[in-house]
Every structure is written in C-alpha cells, then in structure tokens.
Amino acid sequence: MSTAVDRGDASARDLTRKSFAWPFTTPLYVGSALNPINSSIIATGLVPIARELHVSVGATAVLISSLYLASAVAQPTAGKLAEVLGPRRIFLSGIVLVLLGGLVGGLGQNLAMLTVARVLIGIGTSAAFPCAMVLIRRRAEEARMDAPPGGVLGGIAIAGMATAAVGPPIGGLLVGAAGWRWAFFINIPVTAIAMAMAVRWLPKDPALDRAHSGFRKTADRIDLPGILGFAASMTALVVFLMGLPDVKWAALAVFVVTAVPTVAWELRKTAPFFDFRGLATNGALSRTYLRQALTLLGVYTVMYGMTQWLEAAHGLSTVASGLLLLPMGAVSALLSRPLASRNLVRGPLLAAALTMVLGSGGIMLLTSHSPAIAIVLVSLIFGVTSAATTVGNQTALYLAAPPDQIGTASGLFRTFGYLGSITSAVIGSIVFRDGASDHGLHTLGFVLVAAGVAVLLLTVLDRRLTARTTDRETGISNRTDTPTHTNTANTTNTTNTANTANAAISPRKENHA
C-alpha cells in the first residue's frame, strides 16, 4: 500500500518538475521584473534629463507618475484580457509595447516624448505579472496540483519586489556610464530576450472561438465600459493623490463623476470587470489587497523617502544613497524563495507586520549623525518586510482568487501595491515640504508605525489565514485539514481536493470553478 503511495508521490514530483521546468518559468520571471525595474531605474536619470532637455527637475517627476498611473490601470486590464484572449498573446503584446517604449524614450527629444515612452512601458510591463499568474494557475491545474510549487511563486516574488530595490543603484551605474537614454534603451535587449524565450517556451493559447470573436463580443466579454470607467476614475484618483497637499478639486470632481456610474454599472453587470460584490463577499481577497497596499507603503517610503533624506541630511549622492539601501533588495531576494518554498501564508505575513513596526521604530531613531551601519540595519529589516509581505500576500492571493478570475485579481493586487507606493510619495512630499529634515523623517517613521500596526491587526485578526506546509517540490498540500493527493491519475478527485483546499480561504471559489 505504501509502495503504491510512494510511487504516486514520485510520479507527482516528476510531473511537477516537467510542468514547472526552467523553460516555462524563465520568461515569466524576466517579464515580471520589467515593471519594477522600470519603476525605479529612472530615478537616477531625472537630473541629467532635466539638464539636457532644459526643464526643471520637478517637471521630470511626470516620468515617474506616468508609469505608476499607467501600471495601476493596465495591470487588472491585462489580467482580464489574458483570461479572455489568452495569457501568451497578451504577454507577447506587452513585450512589444515595452520594446516600442524603449525606442521612443531612447530617441526622445522632449519631455512629451519621454512621457509617452513611459506610458507605453507602463502598459506593456503590466501584462507580465497577471499573465504569469494565469499561466501558472493553468499549469498547476494541468499537473493536478492544489497549489504551484512554492519556488515558482518565490521566483515571481523575487522578480517583482526585490528587483525594484536594486533599480536605483543599477540605474545610477547605467546612467553614469552610458547616459540617461540608456534608462530607456536597456529595455530593447531585455525585451528581445524575453520575447524569444516566450515565443519558444510558453505554451500556445487555444484558438479563439469564432462565435465569441469580433470587437463587440470581445468588448462585452471583457466589460469594456467597466474598464474605461475604472481607468478614468483611477486616473483622476491618482492625479488627486499626487497633487497633495495641494487639493486638486477638478481631479476630485472627475473621480466622483466617473466612479459613481462605474460602480452602478459594475453592480448590474453579470460578469463585471471589477467585481464589487465578489470583493465584498470574499473578505480574504479584500484583506490581502489592503495588507499589500499598507505594507508597500512602508517599503516604498524607505526606498524613496529615505533616499531623499540621505541626500539632504547626509549629503550623499543618489548612487551612494541607493547603495546604502541595496541590502534591502538583497535580503528580499535571498529570503523570498525559501519563504515561498513552503507556501506559508500566516507566518510570513506576521513577520512582515512585525518587522515593519520594528523598522519604522528604527526610522524614528535615525538622525543626520547616525552612522551608516544604523541606516543599513533599518534597510535590512525592511528587506525582511519586503520578502515576507510579497510571498505571504502572493500565496494568499493565489488561494483566495476565483480560478477563472486569477488574471484580473492579480492585476488588482498590483494596482493596490501601486496605490501604496503613490501614497508613500504623497506622504513624503507632505512631511518633506520644507526639506528632508530629521523631524520630517521621524514623522514619516511615526506614520509607518501606525500603518504597520494596522497590517498586524489585519493579520492577527484574520481567521482565514492558516499556515500551510507544502511539499517543496510538488506543491501538494500536507495540511491536516486538507486531503492530500494519493491518486494522481484521478483528475476529478484531485480537482475536488483543490477546490476543498481553496474553499478554506475563499468562500466564493466554488461558484467560479
């Protein structure tokens, strides 16, 4: 009997290795790294761009905000398109847009062209993560697993969050050696490699159903009015937030005018783009989004707010400031894969909340006379926060999202992360409005302590967060409350097992299976 089970487990492991071999995962990792790298790599190029184009440094901030805005809108849109049209098609389309954005930006002669390039890059890079999650989910179902091997999500986590932290130092070296245009041109060789790998190794999408093809039918399937309403209201909201502390009443008015009818439309729609009712009933998914936004508020505040303070209070260059914070990215990358390999949720999220509170308290103790080792220590603590929150929330997302909506849910996951990063920029601009002083830094630390406590409460009080232990290689659950796979040949039983495991965290999952 045990021999048969052992053979079944060995067969499952072999199937998993083949399903998630490096040819399948590598293009997903490369694609997922494009957005965070492009989000941060431009930071070191703003001053030389302003100098060459004869504009103020403040005016170049649009190059950061435009990519944030484009990404916040495009992430869930790309996820929806991937669900309807096929993840490989959308993944490749996104790569083409990034390639085009790299060319336009690298050859740009004015700020308008560079802004267009950043929008193209933002839209294009936004396709990778939701498409990757759709492909991973489908591959896991084909392999008859209730969860992907933890290493796959860990690799996505490293590509997504850890690379953002190394963007500023990489950008500093690249801009310093070759000029600011290479902050755009670097996308050309990277996307060429990503495209070659995706064409060669990613599984082809099924042929589109002619009965559901055509612009009108496709627009109805993806809920085009809902997407446009979401884009308009999200754009207005981001413009309003980024204008603070000055209140842009016009942007607030546009947000209200577009958001109200959009919500009304989505509530009437049977298959909406933004499922408000589903989000309200799926508390696990809603809390995952909120935790991600609040935690990334802290991580991005350290990445950008502390960089400003280091330059102003310590007189360091952008490159030197980025290098001091480099340990955060290194720790995040080193911890992401081993944390993800066990598919744990509650433990990493508790670690993320506790280290965020601890690191934020450390920020309140820093002064302009603090030694470099103290700054590096705070950076290391937030490296743990970055790894733990990305891994924990990403696994929670995978479990909580309805299987047929994993693309849109993954896009919204990234959107909430961007709202956290945008809010961090807003808070930084408010507390540093009179200069990046010690007092402003301490105020920033106080705000982050409050956010960390909120994340801790969202984690401790969430009864749906249960620790998971999963086979490191197969992804088969070993939870005491979930049946394990003992008959890998029985697809029906395996599917039921997966639904049982996922129903523990998502009460609505059975409605979408």
Protein backbone atom coordinates (compact mmCIF):
# COMPACT_ATOMS: atom_id res chain seq x y z
CA MET A 1 0.00 0.00 0.00
CA SER A 2 2.72 2.44 1.00
CA THR A 3 4.68 1.43 -2.08
CA ALA A 4 1.78 2.45 -4.29
CA VAL A 5 1.51 5.76 -2.50
CA ASP A 6 5.26 6.34 -2.80
CA ARG A 7 5.04 5.61 -6.50
CA GLY A 8 2.17 8.05 -6.79
CA ASP A 9 4.15 10.74 -4.98
CA ALA A 10 7.20 10.10 -7.16
CA SER A 11 5.01 10.36 -10.25
CA ALA A 12 3.56 13.64 -8.97
CA ARG A 13 7.03 15.05 -8.33
CA ASP A 14 8.16 14.05 -11.79
CA LEU A 15 5.09 15.67 -13.33
CA THR A 16 5.70 18.84 -11.33
CA ARG A 17 9.34 19.09 -12.40
CA LYS A 18 8.33 18.76 -16.02
CA SER A 19 5.42 21.18 -15.72
CA PHE A 20 7.43 23.92 -14.00
CA ALA A 21 10.81 23.38 -15.61
CA TRP A 22 13.02 26.41 -16.25
CA PRO A 23 11.94 26.91 -19.91
CA PHE A 24 8.43 27.65 -18.65
CA THR A 25 9.34 29.81 -15.66
CA THR A 26 12.28 31.84 -17.02
CA PRO A 27 10.30 34.07 -19.44
CA LEU A 28 7.75 34.67 -16.69
CA TYR A 29 10.47 35.82 -14.29
CA VAL A 30 12.11 38.10 -16.87
CA GLY A 31 8.78 39.63 -17.85
CA SER A 32 7.71 40.17 -14.24
CA ALA A 33 10.96 42.01 -13.48
CA LEU A 34 10.42 44.61 -16.23
CA ASN A 35 7.82 46.66 -14.37
CA PRO A 36 9.58 47.12 -11.02
CA ILE A 37 12.94 47.73 -12.71
CA ASN A 38 11.46 50.41 -14.95
CA SER A 39 9.61 51.90 -11.98
CA SER A 40 12.82 52.65 -10.12
CA ILE A 41 15.63 52.77 -12.67
CA ILE A 42 14.58 56.20 -13.97
CA ALA A 43 15.15 57.85 -10.55
CA THR A 44 18.85 58.42 -11.15
CA GLY A 45 18.25 59.85 -14.62
CA LEU A 46 15.90 62.70 -13.70
CA VAL A 47 18.60 65.31 -13.10
CA PRO A 48 20.54 64.67 -16.35
CA ILE A 49 17.26 64.52 -18.28
CA ALA A 50 16.24 67.90 -16.88
CA ARG A 51 19.66 69.34 -17.71
CA GLU A 52 19.69 68.15 -21.33
CA LEU A 53 16.06 68.97 -22.10
CA HIS A 54 16.27 72.36 -20.32
CA VAL A 55 13.36 71.72 -17.94
CA SER A 56 13.16 71.79 -14.15
CA VAL A 57 13.88 68.66 -12.15
CA GLY A 58 10.39 68.94 -10.69
CA ALA A 59 8.90 68.74 -14.17
CA THR A 60 10.58 65.37 -14.78
CA ALA A 61 8.57 63.84 -11.94
CA VAL A 62 5.89 63.17 -14.57
CA LEU A 63 8.14 60.38 -15.86
CA ILE A 64 7.63 58.53 -12.57
CA SER A 65 3.96 59.33 -12.05
CA SER A 66 3.01 58.47 -15.65
CA LEU A 67 4.35 54.93 -15.31
CA TYR A 68 2.69 54.49 -11.92
CA LEU A 69 -0.63 55.66 -13.34
CA ALA A 70 -0.38 53.55 -16.50
CA SER A 71 0.54 50.48 -14.45
CA ALA A 72 -2.22 50.97 -11.89
CA VAL A 73 -4.81 50.99 -14.68
CA ALA A 74 -3.22 48.46 -17.01
CA GLN A 75 -2.48 45.65 -14.52
CA PRO A 76 -6.08 44.44 -13.98
CA THR A 77 -6.95 45.26 -17.59
CA ALA A 78 -4.17 43.00 -18.83
CA GLY A 79 -5.34 40.31 -16.43
CA LYS A 80 -8.87 40.46 -17.81
CA LEU A 81 -7.60 40.34 -21.39
CA ALA A 82 -5.42 37.35 -20.51
CA GLU A 83 -8.43 35.48 -19.15
CA VAL A 84 -10.47 36.16 -22.28
CA LEU A 85 -7.95 36.30 -25.15
CA GLY A 86 -5.15 34.13 -23.77
CA PRO A 87 -2.19 34.90 -21.48
CA ARG A 88 0.53 34.18 -24.07
CA ARG A 89 -0.98 36.62 -26.57
CA ILE A 90 -1.24 39.40 -24.01
CA PHE A 91 2.23 38.64 -22.61
CA LEU A 92 3.80 39.00 -26.07
CA SER A 93 1.75 42.12 -26.83
CA GLY A 94 3.04 43.70 -23.64
CA ILE A 95 6.65 42.93 -24.57
CA VAL A 96 6.15 44.63 -27.94
CA LEU A 97 4.85 47.77 -26.18
CA VAL A 98 7.89 47.82 -23.86
CA LEU A 99 10.19 47.49 -26.84
CA LEU A 100 8.42 50.39 -28.55
CA GLY A 101 8.59 52.46 -25.36
CA GLY A 102 12.33 51.84 -25.08
CA LEU A 103 12.85 53.09 -28.63
CA VAL A 104 10.64 56.16 -28.23
CA GLY A 105 12.25 57.11 -24.93
CA GLY A 106 15.80 56.48 -26.03
CA LEU A 107 15.32 58.63 -29.12
CA GLY A 108 13.09 61.21 -27.42
CA GLN A 109 13.92 64.88 -27.87
CA ASN A 110 11.47 66.42 -25.40
CA LEU A 111 9.64 65.65 -22.18
CA ALA A 112 6.40 64.84 -24.01
CA MET A 113 8.05 62.03 -25.99
CA LEU A 114 9.64 60.64 -22.84
CA THR A 115 6.26 60.70 -21.08
CA VAL A 116 4.66 58.79 -23.97
CA ALA A 117 7.51 56.28 -23.74
CA ARG A 118 6.95 55.80 -20.01
CA VAL A 119 3.21 55.25 -20.56
CA LEU A 120 3.96 52.62 -23.22
CA ILE A 121 6.46 50.94 -20.90
CA GLY A 122 3.97 51.07 -18.01
CA ILE A 123 1.19 49.47 -20.06
CA GLY A 124 3.50 46.89 -21.61
CA THR A 125 5.22 45.78 -18.43
CA SER A 126 1.86 45.49 -16.67
CA ALA A 127 0.94 42.47 -18.77
CA ALA A 128 3.65 40.21 -17.38
CA PHE A 129 2.54 39.54 -13.79
CA PRO A 130 -1.19 38.82 -14.34
CA CYS A 131 -0.37 36.73 -17.43
CA ALA A 132 2.23 34.81 -15.42
CA MET A 133 -0.31 34.08 -12.68
CA VAL A 134 -2.85 32.84 -15.25
CA LEU A 135 -0.25 30.59 -16.88
CA ILE A 136 0.96 29.26 -13.50
CA ARG A 137 -2.59 28.54 -12.37
CA ARG A 138 -3.45 26.70 -15.57
CA ARG A 139 -0.22 24.72 -15.50
CA ALA A 140 -0.88 23.74 -11.86
CA GLU A 141 -4.36 22.54 -12.77
CA GLU A 142 -2.95 20.53 -15.68
CA ALA A 143 -0.47 18.96 -13.26
CA ARG A 144 -3.39 18.15 -10.91
CA MET A 145 -1.99 20.22 -8.05
CA ASP A 146 -3.88 22.27 -5.49
CA ALA A 147 -1.03 24.83 -5.47
CA PRO A 148 2.02 25.51 -7.61
CA PRO A 149 5.45 24.60 -6.25
CA GLY A 150 6.47 27.34 -3.85
CA GLY A 151 9.63 28.04 -5.80
CA VAL A 152 7.59 29.33 -8.73
CA LEU A 153 5.76 31.96 -6.70
CA GLY A 154 9.04 32.68 -4.93
CA GLY A 155 10.69 33.39 -8.27
CA ILE A 156 7.85 35.71 -9.24
CA ALA A 157 8.20 37.44 -5.86
CA ILE A 158 11.92 37.98 -6.40
CA ALA A 159 11.33 39.29 -9.90
CA GLY A 160 8.55 41.56 -8.71
CA MET A 161 9.64 43.15 -5.44
CA ALA A 162 13.33 42.52 -4.94
CA THR A 163 14.28 43.92 -8.34
CA ALA A 164 12.58 47.23 -7.50
CA ALA A 165 15.09 47.76 -4.69
CA VAL A 166 18.09 47.23 -6.96
CA GLY A 167 16.71 49.56 -9.63
CA PRO A 168 18.23 52.81 -8.27
CA PRO A 169 21.82 51.51 -7.98
CA ILE A 170 21.57 49.79 -11.36
CA GLY A 171 20.16 52.98 -12.83
CA GLY A 172 22.93 55.01 -11.25
CA LEU A 173 25.63 52.83 -12.77
CA LEU A 174 23.90 52.69 -16.16
CA VAL A 175 23.19 56.42 -16.40
CA GLY A 176 26.64 57.28 -15.09
CA ALA A 177 28.39 55.06 -17.63
CA ALA A 178 26.25 55.47 -20.75
CA GLY A 179 23.90 58.43 -20.21
CA TRP A 180 20.24 58.77 -19.31
CA ARG A 181 18.96 57.48 -22.65
CA TRP A 182 20.06 54.01 -21.62
CA ALA A 183 17.45 54.07 -18.87
CA PHE A 184 15.13 53.58 -21.87
CA PHE A 185 17.37 51.73 -24.32
CA ILE A 186 18.09 48.97 -21.80
CA ASN A 187 14.57 47.71 -22.46
CA ILE A 188 15.43 46.81 -26.05
CA PRO A 189 17.88 43.92 -25.45
CA VAL A 190 15.95 42.71 -22.40
CA THR A 191 12.61 42.59 -24.24
CA ALA A 192 14.23 40.94 -27.25
CA ILE A 193 15.46 38.15 -24.99
CA ALA A 194 12.11 37.90 -23.19
CA MET A 195 10.23 37.73 -26.49
CA ALA A 196 12.48 35.00 -27.87
CA MET A 197 12.02 32.92 -24.73
CA ALA A 198 8.25 33.47 -24.60
CA VAL A 199 7.75 32.53 -28.26
CA ARG A 200 9.89 29.43 -27.87
CA TRP A 201 8.85 28.15 -24.45
CA LEU A 202 5.45 29.45 -23.32
CA PRO A 203 2.50 27.22 -24.25
CA LYS A 204 0.35 28.49 -27.08
CA ASP A 205 -3.12 29.77 -26.28
CA PRO A 206 -6.13 27.88 -27.62
CA ALA A 207 -7.58 29.18 -30.86
CA LEU A 208 -10.11 31.93 -30.29
CA ASP A 209 -13.72 30.86 -30.54
CA ARG A 210 -15.16 32.44 -33.66
CA ALA A 211 -18.60 32.52 -32.06
CA HIS A 212 -17.22 34.90 -29.43
CA SER A 213 -14.77 36.84 -31.60
CA GLY A 214 -15.25 40.25 -33.11
CA PHE A 215 -14.92 43.61 -31.44
CA ARG A 216 -18.42 43.85 -29.98
CA LYS A 217 -18.46 40.38 -28.50
CA THR A 218 -14.94 40.71 -27.16
CA ALA A 219 -15.74 44.13 -25.69
CA ASP A 220 -18.73 42.63 -23.92
CA ARG A 221 -16.71 39.68 -22.59
CA ILE A 222 -14.00 41.91 -21.14
CA ASP A 223 -16.56 44.52 -19.97
CA LEU A 224 -15.04 47.42 -21.94
CA PRO A 225 -17.29 50.08 -20.33
CA GLY A 226 -16.19 48.86 -16.91
CA ILE A 227 -12.52 49.01 -17.93
CA LEU A 228 -12.90 52.55 -19.31
CA GLY A 229 -14.77 53.70 -16.22
CA PHE A 230 -12.14 52.14 -13.96
CA ALA A 231 -9.35 53.78 -15.99
CA ALA A 232 -10.97 57.22 -15.83
CA SER A 233 -11.75 57.09 -12.11
CA MET A 234 -8.35 55.60 -11.22
CA THR A 235 -6.57 58.27 -13.27
CA ALA A 236 -8.46 61.04 -11.51
CA LEU A 237 -7.79 59.47 -8.10
CA VAL A 238 -4.06 59.15 -8.74
CA VAL A 239 -3.83 62.73 -10.04
CA PHE A 240 -5.65 63.90 -6.92
CA LEU A 241 -3.39 61.93 -4.58
CA MET A 242 -0.18 63.01 -6.28
CA GLY A 243 -1.25 66.64 -6.07
CA LEU A 244 -1.48 66.60 -2.27
CA PRO A 245 -1.02 68.51 -0.03
CA ASP A 246 -2.47 70.94 -2.60
CA VAL A 247 -6.05 69.84 -3.24
CA LYS A 248 -6.87 69.47 -6.94
CA TRP A 249 -10.62 69.87 -6.82
CA ALA A 250 -11.05 69.25 -10.54
CA ALA A 251 -9.42 65.82 -10.24
CA LEU A 252 -11.58 65.00 -7.21
CA ALA A 253 -14.70 66.03 -9.11
CA VAL A 254 -13.74 63.89 -12.10
CA PHE A 255 -13.16 60.95 -9.78
CA VAL A 256 -16.63 61.25 -8.26
CA VAL A 257 -18.33 61.81 -11.62
CA THR A 258 -16.67 58.75 -13.18
CA ALA A 259 -16.60 56.45 -10.15
CA VAL A 260 -20.30 56.63 -9.27
CA PRO A 261 -21.66 55.49 -12.66
CA THR A 262 -18.87 52.93 -12.97
CA VAL A 263 -19.82 51.33 -9.66
CA ALA A 264 -23.51 51.35 -10.67
CA TRP A 265 -22.65 49.72 -14.00
CA GLU A 266 -20.45 47.05 -12.43
CA LEU A 267 -23.11 46.16 -9.85
CA ARG A 268 -25.61 45.49 -12.66
CA LYS A 269 -23.17 43.54 -14.83
CA THR A 270 -23.35 39.74 -14.58
CA ALA A 271 -19.61 39.34 -15.38
CA PRO A 272 -18.08 42.68 -14.35
CA PHE A 273 -14.50 43.79 -14.81
CA PHE A 274 -14.35 44.97 -11.19
CA ASP A 275 -16.48 42.58 -9.16
CA PHE A 276 -17.55 44.77 -6.24
CA ARG A 277 -20.00 42.19 -4.90
CA GLY A 278 -17.43 39.44 -5.17
CA LEU A 279 -14.82 41.54 -3.41
CA ALA A 280 -17.28 42.36 -0.63
CA THR A 281 -18.12 38.70 -0.02
CA ASN A 282 -14.54 37.47 -0.46
CA GLY A 283 -13.07 39.05 2.65
CA ALA A 284 -9.83 37.07 2.34
CA LEU A 285 -9.06 38.68 -1.02
CA SER A 286 -10.05 42.17 0.15
CA ARG A 287 -7.80 41.93 3.19
CA THR A 288 -4.95 40.68 1.00
CA TYR A 289 -5.22 43.78 -1.17
CA LEU A 290 -5.33 46.07 1.86
CA ARG A 291 -2.35 44.40 3.54
CA GLN A 292 -0.34 44.66 0.33
CA ALA A 293 -1.09 48.37 -0.07
CA LEU A 294 -0.23 49.25 3.54
CA THR A 295 2.97 47.20 3.64
CA LEU A 296 4.25 48.51 0.32
CA LEU A 297 3.52 51.98 1.63
CA GLY A 298 6.27 51.28 4.16
CA VAL A 299 8.68 49.59 1.75
CA TYR A 300 8.46 52.31 -0.89
CA THR A 301 8.72 55.03 1.72
CA VAL A 302 12.07 53.58 2.77
CA MET A 303 13.20 53.19 -0.84
CA TYR A 304 12.37 56.76 -1.89
CA GLY A 305 11.72 58.81 1.26
CA MET A 306 14.91 57.72 2.98
CA THR A 307 16.83 58.28 -0.25
CA GLN A 308 15.75 61.94 -0.21
CA TRP A 309 16.72 62.24 3.45
CA LEU A 310 20.12 60.65 2.87
CA GLU A 311 20.88 63.09 0.06
CA ALA A 312 19.68 66.14 2.03
CA ALA A 313 20.81 65.30 5.57
CA HIS A 314 23.97 63.33 4.81
CA GLY A 315 24.92 65.00 1.56
CA LEU A 316 25.23 61.68 -0.25
CA SER A 317 24.89 61.24 -4.00
CA THR A 318 21.95 59.35 -5.48
CA VAL A 319 24.20 56.39 -6.27
CA ALA A 320 25.64 56.30 -2.74
CA SER A 321 22.14 56.53 -1.23
CA GLY A 322 20.96 53.71 -3.44
CA LEU A 323 23.91 51.56 -2.43
CA LEU A 324 23.13 52.08 1.27
CA LEU A 325 19.64 50.74 0.64
CA LEU A 326 20.84 47.91 -1.58
CA PRO A 327 20.87 45.42 1.34
CA MET A 328 17.09 45.70 1.44
CA GLY A 329 16.84 44.32 -2.08
CA ALA A 330 19.48 41.68 -1.40
CA VAL A 331 17.75 40.40 1.75
CA SER A 332 14.39 40.44 -0.01
CA ALA A 333 15.76 38.36 -2.87
CA LEU A 334 17.54 35.90 -0.57
CA LEU A 335 14.52 35.30 1.65
CA SER A 336 11.76 35.22 -0.98
CA ARG A 337 12.45 31.77 -2.41
CA PRO A 338 12.95 29.82 0.86
CA LEU A 339 9.88 31.51 2.35
CA ALA A 340 7.80 30.74 -0.73
CA SER A 341 9.03 27.15 -0.99
CA ARG A 342 6.77 26.15 1.90
CA ASN A 343 3.71 28.05 0.65
CA LEU A 344 3.15 29.58 4.08
CA VAL A 345 0.76 32.50 4.47
CA ARG A 346 0.17 33.49 8.08
CA GLY A 347 3.78 33.17 9.25
CA PRO A 348 5.32 35.42 6.57
CA LEU A 349 2.55 37.98 6.97
CA LEU A 350 3.11 38.15 10.73
CA ALA A 351 6.84 38.55 10.09
CA ALA A 352 6.13 41.32 7.57
CA ALA A 353 3.93 43.23 10.02
CA LEU A 354 6.28 42.87 12.98
CA THR A 355 9.39 43.86 11.02
CA MET A 356 7.54 46.82 9.54
CA VAL A 357 6.71 48.08 13.04
CA LEU A 358 10.29 47.40 14.20
CA GLY A 359 11.89 49.04 11.16
CA SER A 360 9.56 52.04 11.38
CA GLY A 361 10.53 52.48 15.00
CA GLY A 362 14.17 52.38 13.89
CA ILE A 363 13.47 55.19 11.39
CA MET A 364 12.23 57.35 14.28
CA LEU A 365 15.62 56.90 16.00
CA LEU A 366 17.77 57.90 13.00
CA THR A 367 19.34 61.34 12.79
CA SER A 368 21.67 63.12 10.40
CA HIS A 369 24.52 62.00 12.68
CA SER A 370 23.59 58.30 12.62
CA PRO A 371 26.34 56.01 11.35
CA ALA A 372 25.93 54.19 8.05
CA ILE A 373 25.58 50.86 9.86
CA ALA A 374 22.37 52.07 11.54
CA ILE A 375 20.89 53.01 8.16
CA VAL A 376 21.90 49.66 6.68
CA LEU A 377 20.30 47.88 9.65
CA VAL A 378 16.96 49.59 9.02
CA SER A 379 17.33 48.68 5.36
CA LEU A 380 17.92 45.04 6.29
CA ILE A 381 14.81 44.96 8.50
CA PHE A 382 12.65 46.29 5.67
CA GLY A 383 14.25 43.72 3.38
CA VAL A 384 12.61 41.08 5.55
CA THR A 385 9.35 43.04 5.36
CA SER A 386 9.56 43.18 1.58
CA ALA A 387 10.20 39.46 1.15
CA ALA A 388 7.66 38.31 3.73
CA THR A 389 4.80 40.51 2.54
CA THR A 390 5.33 39.72 -1.14
CA VAL A 391 5.50 35.96 -0.55
CA GLY A 392 2.69 35.80 2.00
CA ASN A 393 0.24 38.03 0.18
CA GLN A 394 1.04 36.47 -3.19
CA THR A 395 0.23 33.00 -1.88
CA ALA A 396 -2.89 34.33 -0.16
CA LEU A 397 -3.92 35.89 -3.48
CA TYR A 398 -3.43 32.59 -5.30
CA LEU A 399 -5.63 30.79 -2.77
CA ALA A 400 -8.32 33.46 -2.38
CA ALA A 401 -8.87 34.48 -6.02
CA PRO A 402 -11.53 32.59 -8.01
CA PRO A 403 -9.66 30.37 -10.51
CA ASP A 404 -11.31 31.92 -13.55
CA GLN A 405 -10.52 35.45 -12.32
CA ILE A 406 -6.90 34.96 -11.29
CA GLY A 407 -5.68 37.34 -14.01
CA THR A 408 -7.88 40.26 -13.02
CA ALA A 409 -7.32 39.56 -9.31
CA SER A 410 -3.54 39.52 -9.83
CA GLY A 411 -3.72 42.81 -11.70
CA LEU A 412 -5.73 44.41 -8.90
CA PHE A 413 -3.18 43.05 -6.44
CA ARG A 414 -0.50 45.05 -8.24
CA THR A 415 -2.82 48.07 -8.51
CA PHE A 416 -3.25 48.18 -4.75
CA GLY A 417 0.52 47.91 -4.43
CA TYR A 418 0.90 50.93 -6.68
CA LEU A 419 -1.64 52.85 -4.62
CA GLY A 420 0.58 52.12 -1.63
CA SER A 421 3.65 53.41 -3.46
CA ILE A 422 1.80 56.51 -4.67
CA THR A 423 0.57 57.19 -1.14
CA SER A 424 4.14 56.88 0.11
CA ALA A 425 5.18 59.57 -2.37
CA VAL A 426 2.31 61.79 -1.21
CA ILE A 427 3.21 61.38 2.47
CA GLY A 428 6.87 62.04 1.67
CA SER A 429 6.05 65.23 -0.19
CA ILE A 430 3.97 66.44 2.77
CA VAL A 431 6.44 65.69 5.57
CA PHE A 432 9.42 66.91 3.49
CA ARG A 433 7.71 70.02 2.09
CA ASP A 434 10.19 72.22 3.99
CA GLY A 435 13.16 69.98 3.23
CA ALA A 436 14.19 66.42 4.07
CA SER A 437 14.98 67.03 7.75
CA ASP A 438 15.32 64.72 10.73
CA HIS A 439 11.95 65.93 12.01
CA GLY A 440 10.29 65.01 8.72
CA LEU A 441 11.94 61.58 8.79
CA HIS A 442 10.69 60.94 12.32
CA THR A 443 7.18 61.96 11.28
CA LEU A 444 7.47 59.51 8.42
CA GLY A 445 8.51 56.79 10.87
CA PHE A 446 5.51 57.54 13.09
CA VAL A 447 3.12 57.19 10.14
CA LEU A 448 4.73 53.90 9.16
CA VAL A 449 4.46 52.56 12.72
CA ALA A 450 0.71 53.23 12.55
CA ALA A 451 0.50 51.50 9.15
CA GLY A 452 2.49 48.55 10.49
CA VAL A 453 0.14 48.17 13.46
CA ALA A 454 -2.81 48.19 11.04
CA VAL A 455 -1.16 45.42 8.98
CA LEU A 456 -0.50 43.44 12.17
CA LEU A 457 -4.15 43.69 13.19
CA LEU A 458 -5.31 42.69 9.69
CA THR A 459 -3.14 39.59 10.01
CA VAL A 460 -3.70 38.56 13.61
CA LEU A 461 -7.48 39.03 13.47
CA ASP A 462 -7.88 37.26 10.11
CA ARG A 463 -9.12 33.76 10.95
CA ARG A 464 -8.96 32.66 7.32
CA LEU A 465 -5.19 32.88 7.29
CA THR A 466 -4.00 29.37 8.05
CA ALA A 467 -0.40 28.17 7.96
CA ARG A 468 0.30 25.83 5.07
CA THR A 469 3.07 23.33 4.68
CA THR A 470 3.53 22.10 1.16
CA ASP A 471 5.84 19.61 -0.45
CA ARG A 472 8.82 21.68 -1.57
CA GLU A 473 8.90 20.07 -5.00
CA THR A 474 5.33 19.10 -5.93
CA GLY A 475 3.24 21.77 -4.23
CA ILE A 476 0.94 19.08 -2.82
CA SER A 477 -0.63 20.21 0.41
CA ASN A 478 0.17 18.44 3.67
CA ARG A 479 -2.31 20.40 5.78
CA THR A 480 -4.08 18.38 8.41
CA ASP A 481 -7.42 19.89 7.37
CA THR A 482 -6.95 19.19 3.66
CA PRO A 483 -6.86 15.78 1.96
CA THR A 484 -3.60 15.10 0.16
CA HIS A 485 -3.25 13.61 -3.32
CA THR A 486 -2.86 9.85 -3.17
CA ASN A 487 -4.21 9.08 -6.63
CA THR A 488 -2.57 11.35 -9.15
CA ALA A 489 -4.31 9.65 -12.03
CA ASN A 490 -7.75 10.63 -10.85
CA THR A 491 -8.22 14.13 -12.18
CA THR A 492 -11.70 14.53 -10.77
CA ASN A 493 -10.70 13.69 -7.21
CA THR A 494 -7.67 15.95 -7.47
CA THR A 495 -9.77 18.83 -8.70
CA ASN A 496 -12.18 18.33 -5.82
CA THR A 497 -9.24 18.32 -3.41
CA ALA A 498 -8.01 21.59 -4.86
CA ASN A 499 -11.45 23.15 -4.50
CA THR A 500 -11.65 21.94 -0.91
CA ALA A 501 -8.29 23.46 -0.05
CA ASN A 502 -9.06 26.74 -1.71
CA ALA A 503 -12.55 26.96 -0.25
CA ALA A 504 -10.94 27.21 3.17
CA ILE A 505 -9.81 30.69 2.30
CA SER A 506 -12.27 31.70 -0.43
CA PRO A 507 -15.96 31.09 0.30
CA ARG A 508 -16.88 32.09 -3.27
CA LYS A 509 -14.47 29.82 -5.09
CA GLU A 510 -16.99 27.05 -5.75
CA ASN A 511 -19.09 29.50 -7.72
CA HIS A 512 -16.28 30.06 -10.20
CA ALA A 513 -14.82 26.59 -10.52
